[in-house]
C-alpha atoms as a PDB file:
ATOM      1  CA  MET A   1     -21.892  82.681-115.395  1.00  0.00           C
ATOM      2  CA  ILE A   2     -22.743  86.355-115.139  1.00  0.00           C
ATOM      3  CA  SER A   3     -20.289  86.879-112.302  1.00  0.00           C
ATOM      4  CA  ALA A   4     -17.548  85.244-114.379  1.00  0.00           C
ATOM      5  CA  LEU A   5     -18.255  87.601-117.278  1.00  0.00           C
ATOM      6  CA  PHE A   6     -18.285  90.548-114.889  1.00  0.00           C
ATOM      7  CA  ALA A   7     -14.904  89.494-113.467  1.00  0.00           C
ATOM      8  CA  VAL A   8     -13.424  89.191-116.963  1.00  0.00           C
ATOM      9  CA  ALA A   9     -14.750  92.649-117.850  1.00  0.00           C
ATOM     10  CA  LEU A  10     -13.174  94.126-114.720  1.00  0.00           C
ATOM     11  CA  LEU A  11      -9.839  92.506-115.493  1.00  0.00           C
ATOM     12  CA  ALA A  12      -9.957  93.775-119.067  1.00  0.00           C
ATOM     13  CA  ALA A  13     -10.747  97.297-117.873  1.00  0.00           C
ATOM     14  CA  ALA A  14      -7.919  97.166-115.334  1.00  0.00           C
ATOM     15  CA  ALA A  15      -5.448  96.027-117.991  1.00  0.00           C
ATOM     16  CA  ASP A  16      -6.516  98.722-120.504  1.00  0.00           C
ATOM     17  CA  PRO A  17      -3.327 100.357-121.860  1.00  0.00           C
ATOM     18  CA  ALA A  18      -5.269 103.463-122.924  1.00  0.00           C
ATOM     19  CA  ALA A  19      -6.149 104.288-119.324  1.00  0.00           C
ATOM     20  CA  PRO A  20      -4.106 107.239-118.014  1.00  0.00           C
ATOM     21  CA  THR A  21      -1.593 106.559-115.262  1.00  0.00           C
ATOM     22  CA  ALA A  22      -1.044 108.704-112.165  1.00  0.00           C
ATOM     23  CA  GLY A  23       2.154 110.245-113.594  1.00  0.00           C
ATOM     24  CA  ALA A  24       0.729 111.059-117.010  1.00  0.00           C
ATOM     25  CA  ALA A  25      -0.606 114.558-117.665  1.00  0.00           C
ATOM     26  CA  PRO A  26      -4.000 114.868-119.376  1.00  0.00           C
ATOM     27  CA  ALA A  27      -3.916 115.887-123.019  1.00  0.00           C
ATOM     28  CA  ALA A  28      -4.721 119.573-123.432  1.00  0.00           C
ATOM     29  CA  SER A  29      -5.802 119.167-127.062  1.00  0.00           C
ATOM     30  CA  ALA A  30      -8.534 116.607-126.302  1.00  0.00           C
ATOM     31  CA  PRO A  31     -11.945 118.104-127.132  1.00  0.00           C
ATOM     32  CA  ALA A  32     -14.481 118.222-124.329  1.00  0.00           C
ATOM     33  CA  LYS A  33     -17.598 116.172-125.004  1.00  0.00           C
ATOM     34  CA  SER A  34     -20.898 117.902-124.395  1.00  0.00           C
ATOM     35  CA  ALA A  35     -23.448 116.381-122.046  1.00  0.00           C
ATOM     36  CA  THR A  36     -26.181 116.364-124.693  1.00  0.00           C
ATOM     37  CA  PRO A  37     -25.571 114.784-128.098  1.00  0.00           C
ATOM     38  CA  ALA A  38     -26.127 116.891-131.186  1.00  0.00           C
ATOM     39  CA  LYS A  39     -29.568 116.581-132.707  1.00  0.00           C
ATOM     40  CA  ALA A  40     -29.686 114.409-135.822  1.00  0.00           C
ATOM     41  CA  ASP A  41     -29.921 116.168-139.163  1.00  0.00           C
ATOM     42  CA  LYS A  42     -33.437 115.861-140.607  1.00  0.00           C
ATOM     43  CA  ASN A  43     -32.014 115.058-144.068  1.00  0.00           C
ATOM     44  CA  GLU A  44     -29.749 112.299-142.775  1.00  0.00           C
ATOM     45  CA  LEU A  45     -30.569 108.829-144.090  1.00  0.00           C
ATOM     46  CA  VAL A  46     -31.625 106.445-141.310  1.00  0.00           C
ATOM     47  CA  CYS A  47     -32.029 102.704-141.918  1.00  0.00           C
ATOM     48  CA  LYS A  48     -34.163 100.460-139.715  1.00  0.00           C
ATOM     49  CA  ARG A  49     -34.954  96.753-139.781  1.00  0.00           C
ATOM     50  CA  GLU A  50     -38.713  96.206-139.801  1.00  0.00           C
ATOM     51  CA  ALA A  51     -40.724  93.036-139.390  1.00  0.00           C
ATOM     52  CA  VAL A  52     -42.592  91.841-142.488  1.00  0.00           C
ATOM     53  CA  LEU A  53     -46.053  90.359-142.024  1.00  0.00           C
ATOM     54  CA  GLY A  54     -45.995  86.616-142.760  1.00  0.00           C
ATOM     55  CA  SER A  55     -42.211  86.318-142.639  1.00  0.00           C
ATOM     56  CA  ARG A  56     -39.603  85.702-139.972  1.00  0.00           C
ATOM     57  CA  MET A  57     -37.106  87.766-141.937  1.00  0.00           C
ATOM     58  CA  LYS A  58     -36.811  91.488-141.276  1.00  0.00           C
ATOM     59  CA  GLN A  59     -36.601  93.979-144.108  1.00  0.00           C
ATOM     60  CA  ARG A  60     -34.207  96.913-144.156  1.00  0.00           C
ATOM     61  CA  THR A  61     -35.948 100.223-144.832  1.00  0.00           C
ATOM     62  CA  CYS A  62     -34.019 103.462-145.363  1.00  0.00           C
ATOM     63  CA  ARG A  63     -35.631 106.906-145.177  1.00  0.00           C
ATOM     64  CA  THR A  64     -34.634 110.378-144.054  1.00  0.00           C
ATOM     65  CA  GLN A  65     -35.123 111.307-140.406  1.00  0.00           C
ATOM     66  CA  ALA A  66     -37.810 113.785-141.487  1.00  0.00           C
ATOM     67  CA  ASP A  67     -39.742 110.953-143.199  1.00  0.00           C
ATOM     68  CA  TRP A  68     -39.495 108.732-140.093  1.00  0.00           C
ATOM     69  CA  ASP A  69     -40.738 111.601-137.910  1.00  0.00           C
ATOM     70  CA  LEU A  70     -43.636 112.311-140.286  1.00  0.00           C
ATOM     71  CA  MET A  71     -44.691 108.640-140.380  1.00  0.00           C
ATOM     72  CA  LYS A  72     -44.552 108.459-136.578  1.00  0.00           C
ATOM     73  CA  GLN A  73     -46.679 111.600-136.203  1.00  0.00           C
ATOM     74  CA  GLU A  74     -49.232 110.393-138.773  1.00  0.00           C
ATOM     75  CA  ALA A  75     -49.555 107.036-136.996  1.00  0.00           C
ATOM     76  CA  ARG A  76     -49.990 108.788-133.634  1.00  0.00           C
ATOM     77  CA  ASP A  77     -52.658 111.111-135.103  1.00  0.00           C
ATOM     78  CA  GLU A  78     -54.543 108.152-136.612  1.00  0.00           C
ATOM     79  CA  VAL A  79     -54.564 106.280-133.287  1.00  0.00           C
ATOM     80  CA  GLU A  80     -55.792 109.352-131.418  1.00  0.00           C
ATOM     81  CA  LYS A  81     -58.511 109.921-134.027  1.00  0.00           C
ATOM     82  CA  ASN A  82     -59.727 106.312-133.774  1.00  0.00           C
ATOM     83  CA  GLN A  83     -59.694 106.362-129.984  1.00  0.00           C
ATOM     84  CA  SER A  84     -61.743 109.551-129.812  1.00  0.00           C
ATOM     85  CA  VAL A  85     -64.579 108.228-132.036  1.00  0.00           C
ATOM     86  CA  LYS A  86     -67.581 107.200-129.972  1.00  0.00           C
ATOM     87  CA  PRO A  87     -69.394 104.023-130.963  1.00  0.00           C
ATOM     88  CA  LEU A  88     -72.873 104.232-132.454  1.00  0.00           C
ATOM     89  CA  SER A  89     -75.682 103.292-130.102  1.00  0.00           C
ATOM     90  CA  PHE A  90     -78.388 100.951-131.351  1.00  0.00           C
END
């Protein structure tokens, strides 16, 4: 099954009309893509689907990237704080 899908993908890629031919010159006006993607804006709205306790349905939550980063850092700090607490001896 997987090999059949792979073969179909190869045939589709070989038949791609957008692929340049040997006689075609490359477009000079095409912008060069950088190797590293631009960093996301901290004020950009990012939506994620999160699991809800007691439900099979996921809930869509939208926050800014700065809010997501802050929540992630706070959760990491809380875990580190709880792991560093030594238990009381009796």
